């Protein structure tokens, strides 16, 4: 039972970290574009691809492997949410500041 718990946590954290790393790479690639439409296309296109791949991987793990579903999903969500916070803060820091009149 201990092995299944460890496997569940490791897979959840691994998929979550893969998502976070892909988001940081996507943000870095999008930052190369000066025009806003190109930036948005790369950034949100990358987000769509990341989300679909993450959901497919989570579904495959739950369907094909003997893991504790709650532990796996919980560990994935913790890393995923922390990654979203990091992604939003990096995106916000990279935006030009606007002063309101």
C-alpha atoms as a PDB file:
ATOM      1  CA  UNK A   1       0.000   0.000   0.000  1.00  0.00           C
ATOM      2  CA  UNK A   2       2.931   2.347   0.729  1.00  0.00           C
ATOM      3  CA  UNK A   3       4.237   1.848  -2.809  1.00  0.00           C
ATOM      4  CA  UNK A   4       0.909   2.796  -4.355  1.00  0.00           C
ATOM      5  CA  UNK A   5       0.747   5.954  -2.223  1.00  0.00           C
ATOM      6  CA  UNK A   6       4.278   6.965  -3.244  1.00  0.00           C
ATOM      7  CA  UNK A   7       3.571   6.224  -6.898  1.00  0.00           C
ATOM      8  CA  UNK A   8       0.381   8.290  -6.758  1.00  0.00           C
ATOM      9  CA  UNK A   9       2.182  11.281  -5.257  1.00  0.00           C
ATOM     10  CA  UNK A  10       5.151  10.972  -7.630  1.00  0.00           C
ATOM     11  CA  UNK A  11       2.963  10.804 -10.731  1.00  0.00           C
ATOM     12  CA  UNK A  12       0.772  13.706  -9.605  1.00  0.00           C
ATOM     13  CA  UNK A  13       3.741  15.902  -8.776  1.00  0.00           C
ATOM     14  CA  UNK A  14       5.554  14.851 -11.956  1.00  0.00           C
ATOM     15  CA  UNK A  15       2.675  15.741 -14.257  1.00  0.00           C
ATOM     16  CA  UNK A  16       2.108  18.980 -12.342  1.00  0.00           C
ATOM     17  CA  UNK A  17       5.772  19.985 -12.605  1.00  0.00           C
ATOM     18  CA  UNK A  18       5.768  19.149 -16.300  1.00  0.00           C
ATOM     19  CA  UNK A  19       2.818  21.504 -16.742  1.00  0.00           C
ATOM     20  CA  UNK A  20       4.573  24.280 -14.803  1.00  0.00           C
ATOM     21  CA  UNK A  21       7.809  23.912 -16.783  1.00  0.00           C
ATOM     22  CA  UNK A  22       5.885  23.926 -20.063  1.00  0.00           C
ATOM     23  CA  UNK A  23       4.058  27.091 -18.986  1.00  0.00           C
ATOM     24  CA  UNK A  24       7.319  28.876 -18.203  1.00  0.00           C
ATOM     25  CA  UNK A  25       8.773  27.823 -21.569  1.00  0.00           C
ATOM     26  CA  UNK A  26       5.599  29.001 -23.310  1.00  0.00           C
ATOM     27  CA  UNK A  27       5.764  32.348 -21.528  1.00  0.00           C
ATOM     28  CA  UNK A  28       9.414  32.784 -22.498  1.00  0.00           C
ATOM     29  CA  UNK A  29       8.631  31.967 -26.142  1.00  0.00           C
ATOM     30  CA  UNK A  30       5.669  34.343 -26.183  1.00  0.00           C
ATOM     31  CA  UNK A  31       7.784  37.142 -24.697  1.00  0.00           C
ATOM     32  CA  UNK A  32       9.931  37.139 -27.843  1.00  0.00           C
ATOM     33  CA  UNK A  33       7.086  38.713 -29.808  1.00  0.00           C
ATOM     34  CA  UNK A  34       6.729  42.477 -29.680  1.00  0.00           C
ATOM     35  CA  UNK A  35       3.201  42.621 -31.031  1.00  0.00           C
ATOM     36  CA  UNK A  36       0.354  41.831 -28.659  1.00  0.00           C
ATOM     37  CA  UNK A  37      -1.621  39.579 -31.072  1.00  0.00           C
ATOM     38  CA  UNK A  38       1.382  37.324 -31.662  1.00  0.00           C
ATOM     39  CA  UNK A  39       2.137  37.200 -27.932  1.00  0.00           C
ATOM     40  CA  UNK A  40      -1.464  36.264 -27.122  1.00  0.00           C
ATOM     41  CA  UNK A  41      -1.585  33.620 -29.842  1.00  0.00           C
ATOM     42  CA  UNK A  42       1.576  31.900 -28.624  1.00  0.00           C
ATOM     43  CA  UNK A  43       0.729  32.236 -24.936  1.00  0.00           C
ATOM     44  CA  UNK A  44      -2.904  31.105 -25.082  1.00  0.00           C
ATOM     45  CA  UNK A  45      -2.214  28.507 -27.771  1.00  0.00           C
ATOM     46  CA  UNK A  46       0.450  27.051 -25.517  1.00  0.00           C
ATOM     47  CA  UNK A  47      -1.980  27.111 -22.612  1.00  0.00           C
ATOM     48  CA  UNK A  48      -4.566  25.174 -24.599  1.00  0.00           C
ATOM     49  CA  UNK A  49      -2.014  22.535 -25.609  1.00  0.00           C
ATOM     50  CA  UNK A  50      -0.728  22.232 -22.015  1.00  0.00           C
ATOM     51  CA  UNK A  51      -4.205  21.853 -20.543  1.00  0.00           C
ATOM     52  CA  UNK A  52      -5.256  19.217 -23.064  1.00  0.00           C
ATOM     53  CA  UNK A  53      -2.045  17.225 -22.576  1.00  0.00           C
ATOM     54  CA  UNK A  54      -2.323  17.439 -18.784  1.00  0.00           C
ATOM     55  CA  UNK A  55      -5.937  16.247 -18.839  1.00  0.00           C
ATOM     56  CA  UNK A  56      -5.070  13.390 -21.190  1.00  0.00           C
ATOM     57  CA  UNK A  57      -2.165  12.312 -18.975  1.00  0.00           C
ATOM     58  CA  UNK A  58      -4.284  12.505 -15.812  1.00  0.00           C
ATOM     59  CA  UNK A  59      -7.011  10.475 -17.497  1.00  0.00           C
ATOM     60  CA  UNK A  60      -4.555   7.859 -18.729  1.00  0.00           C
ATOM     61  CA  UNK A  61      -2.953   7.488 -15.304  1.00  0.00           C
ATOM     62  CA  UNK A  62      -6.342   7.103 -13.632  1.00  0.00           C
ATOM     63  CA  UNK A  63      -7.559   4.632 -16.250  1.00  0.00           C
ATOM     64  CA  UNK A  64      -4.473   2.485 -16.708  1.00  0.00           C
ATOM     65  CA  UNK A  65      -2.476   2.514 -13.479  1.00  0.00           C
ATOM     66  CA  UNK A  66      -3.287   1.287  -9.995  1.00  0.00           C
ATOM     67  CA  UNK A  67      -3.000   4.587  -8.130  1.00  0.00           C
ATOM     68  CA  UNK A  68      -4.914   6.119  -5.263  1.00  0.00           C
ATOM     69  CA  UNK A  69      -7.087   8.529  -7.224  1.00  0.00           C
ATOM     70  CA  UNK A  70      -7.536  11.074  -4.435  1.00  0.00           C
ATOM     71  CA  UNK A  71      -3.844  11.216  -3.617  1.00  0.00           C
ATOM     72  CA  UNK A  72      -2.860  11.435  -7.287  1.00  0.00           C
ATOM     73  CA  UNK A  73      -5.357  14.154  -8.170  1.00  0.00           C
ATOM     74  CA  UNK A  74      -4.671  16.046  -4.938  1.00  0.00           C
ATOM     75  CA  UNK A  75      -0.914  16.112  -5.458  1.00  0.00           C
ATOM     76  CA  UNK A  76      -1.402  17.148  -9.084  1.00  0.00           C
ATOM     77  CA  UNK A  77      -3.770  19.970  -8.112  1.00  0.00           C
ATOM     78  CA  UNK A  78      -1.458  21.322  -5.403  1.00  0.00           C
ATOM     79  CA  UNK A  79       1.461  21.586  -7.835  1.00  0.00           C
ATOM     80  CA  UNK A  80      -0.837  22.840 -10.621  1.00  0.00           C
ATOM     81  CA  UNK A  81      -2.253  25.665  -8.474  1.00  0.00           C
ATOM     82  CA  UNK A  82       1.185  26.702  -7.212  1.00  0.00           C
ATOM     83  CA  UNK A  83       2.332  26.691 -10.837  1.00  0.00           C
ATOM     84  CA  UNK A  84      -0.588  28.897 -11.871  1.00  0.00           C
ATOM     85  CA  UNK A  85       0.337  31.388  -9.161  1.00  0.00           C
ATOM     86  CA  UNK A  86       3.939  31.435 -10.398  1.00  0.00           C
ATOM     87  CA  UNK A  87       2.809  31.773 -14.019  1.00  0.00           C
ATOM     88  CA  UNK A  88       0.460  34.668 -13.265  1.00  0.00           C
ATOM     89  CA  UNK A  89       3.057  36.490 -11.189  1.00  0.00           C
ATOM     90  CA  UNK A  90       5.687  36.108 -13.932  1.00  0.00           C
ATOM     91  CA  UNK A  91       3.203  37.279 -16.555  1.00  0.00           C
ATOM     92  CA  UNK A  92       2.179  40.246 -14.417  1.00  0.00           C
ATOM     93  CA  UNK A  93       5.792  41.229 -13.774  1.00  0.00           C
ATOM     94  CA  UNK A  94       6.521  41.153 -17.493  1.00  0.00           C
ATOM     95  CA  UNK A  95       3.687  43.496 -18.461  1.00  0.00           C
ATOM     96  CA  UNK A  96       4.422  47.199 -18.862  1.00  0.00           C
ATOM     97  CA  UNK A  97       3.027  49.258 -16.016  1.00  0.00           C
ATOM     98  CA  UNK A  98       0.190  51.646 -16.764  1.00  0.00           C
ATOM     99  CA  UNK A  99      -0.618  54.591 -14.583  1.00  0.00           C
ATOM    100  CA  UNK A 100      -4.263  55.499 -14.224  1.00  0.00           C
ATOM    101  CA  UNK A 101      -5.091  59.204 -14.515  1.00  0.00           C
END
